């Protein structure tokens, strides 16, 4: 018997990992030394929810990371990451240019886990 809930939880975690990778590759996270990019972790403490966190378990972890995220009006250095901005997750949220991407990744991962 297939444990569909477990497969969904695994697919959700895989989706969060893929999104993390895509966000870093889009070069939207402000970068000085790379701490914000490299500190991300993915977890799913609840079976129906996956999160992208840093080691300190706050949105983007480091206090300055949260501060940068919440202030898109700042003039971010775009030397290393040409698309650096505040609220860098917004492109993958409802209304963003990649708003369908999370659902697409999840569907793909779930199909893989179901073997179809």
Protein backbone atom coordinates (compact mmCIF):
# COMPACT_ATOMS: atom_id res chain seq x y z
CA UNK A 1 0.00 0.00 0.00
CA UNK A 2 1.31 3.43 -0.96
CA UNK A 3 1.71 5.97 1.83
CA UNK A 4 0.51 8.92 -0.22
CA UNK A 5 0.93 11.39 2.63
CA UNK A 6 4.60 10.44 3.03
CA UNK A 7 5.17 10.70 -0.72
CA UNK A 8 3.59 14.16 -0.70
CA UNK A 9 5.75 15.24 2.24
CA UNK A 10 8.89 14.05 0.43
CA UNK A 11 7.80 15.77 -2.80
CA UNK A 12 7.16 18.97 -0.85
CA UNK A 13 10.62 18.89 0.71
CA UNK A 14 12.16 18.24 -2.72
CA UNK A 15 10.17 21.18 -4.08
CA UNK A 16 11.53 23.50 -1.39
CA UNK A 17 15.09 22.35 -2.14
CA UNK A 18 14.60 22.98 -5.87
CA UNK A 19 13.09 26.43 -5.19
CA UNK A 20 16.03 27.28 -2.95
CA UNK A 21 18.38 26.38 -5.77
CA UNK A 22 16.41 28.39 -8.33
CA UNK A 23 16.27 31.45 -6.07
CA UNK A 24 20.04 31.37 -5.59
CA UNK A 25 20.58 30.85 -9.34
CA UNK A 26 18.35 33.83 -10.18
CA UNK A 27 20.82 35.99 -8.21
CA UNK A 28 18.07 37.89 -6.38
CA UNK A 29 19.51 37.53 -2.87
CA UNK A 30 21.76 40.45 -1.90
CA UNK A 31 25.34 39.23 -1.69
CA UNK A 32 28.39 40.53 0.06
CA UNK A 33 30.16 37.43 1.35
CA UNK A 34 27.46 34.93 0.38
CA UNK A 35 26.21 34.24 3.92
CA UNK A 36 22.54 34.64 3.01
CA UNK A 37 22.79 32.28 0.05
CA UNK A 38 24.78 29.54 1.75
CA UNK A 39 22.93 29.52 5.07
CA UNK A 40 19.59 28.26 3.70
CA UNK A 41 18.21 24.97 4.97
CA UNK A 42 15.02 23.22 3.99
CA UNK A 43 12.81 21.49 6.52
CA UNK A 44 9.28 20.21 6.78
CA UNK A 45 8.43 20.11 10.48
CA UNK A 46 4.80 19.48 9.55
CA UNK A 47 3.86 16.95 6.89
CA UNK A 48 1.93 19.51 4.85
CA UNK A 49 4.43 22.36 4.95
CA UNK A 50 8.03 22.86 3.85
CA UNK A 51 10.10 25.92 4.68
CA UNK A 52 13.33 27.48 3.52
CA UNK A 53 15.22 28.73 6.56
CA UNK A 54 18.69 29.65 7.64
CA UNK A 55 20.41 28.14 10.63
CA UNK A 56 18.84 30.60 13.05
CA UNK A 57 15.25 29.79 12.00
CA UNK A 58 14.15 33.29 11.04
CA UNK A 59 13.19 34.42 7.57
CA UNK A 60 16.63 34.41 6.00
CA UNK A 61 18.11 33.80 9.45
CA UNK A 62 20.64 36.41 10.24
CA UNK A 63 19.13 39.58 11.73
CA UNK A 64 20.55 41.64 8.90
CA UNK A 65 19.11 39.17 6.39
CA UNK A 66 15.62 39.65 7.73
CA UNK A 67 16.16 43.39 7.76
CA UNK A 68 17.34 43.37 4.15
CA UNK A 69 14.44 41.17 3.09
CA UNK A 70 11.85 43.52 4.59
CA UNK A 71 13.30 46.66 2.99
CA UNK A 72 13.08 46.45 -0.81
CA UNK A 73 13.58 50.21 -1.02
CA UNK A 74 17.28 49.82 -0.21
CA UNK A 75 19.77 50.32 -3.02
CA UNK A 76 21.37 46.86 -3.12
CA UNK A 77 24.84 46.32 -4.51
CA UNK A 78 24.32 44.25 -7.64
CA UNK A 79 27.96 43.52 -8.36
CA UNK A 80 27.84 39.80 -7.49
CA UNK A 81 24.11 39.22 -7.86
CA UNK A 82 22.79 41.33 -10.70
CA UNK A 83 19.14 40.94 -9.65
CA UNK A 84 19.67 41.53 -5.91
CA UNK A 85 16.68 43.06 -4.16
CA UNK A 86 14.61 42.93 -1.01
CA UNK A 87 11.70 40.50 -0.74
CA UNK A 88 13.53 38.09 -3.05
CA UNK A 89 10.94 35.32 -2.58
CA UNK A 90 8.15 37.41 -4.13
CA UNK A 91 8.82 36.25 -7.70
CA UNK A 92 7.80 32.70 -6.66
CA UNK A 93 4.72 33.84 -4.74
CA UNK A 94 1.21 34.54 -6.03
CA UNK A 95 1.38 37.32 -8.60
CA UNK A 96 5.13 36.88 -9.18
CA UNK A 97 6.74 36.05 -12.51
CA UNK A 98 7.42 32.45 -11.35
CA UNK A 99 4.17 32.04 -9.39
CA UNK A 100 3.36 28.70 -11.03
CA UNK A 101 6.82 27.25 -10.54
CA UNK A 102 6.30 25.82 -7.02
CA UNK A 103 3.21 23.88 -8.16
CA UNK A 104 5.00 22.69 -11.32
CA UNK A 105 7.97 21.41 -9.34
CA UNK A 106 5.74 19.71 -6.78
CA UNK A 107 3.70 17.97 -9.47
CA UNK A 108 6.88 16.81 -11.21
CA UNK A 109 8.42 15.49 -8.00
CA UNK A 110 5.22 13.73 -6.96
CA UNK A 111 4.93 12.06 -10.38
CA UNK A 112 8.53 10.86 -10.00
CA UNK A 113 7.81 9.42 -6.56
CA UNK A 114 4.67 7.69 -7.82
CA UNK A 115 6.68 6.24 -10.69
CA UNK A 116 4.63 7.73 -13.48
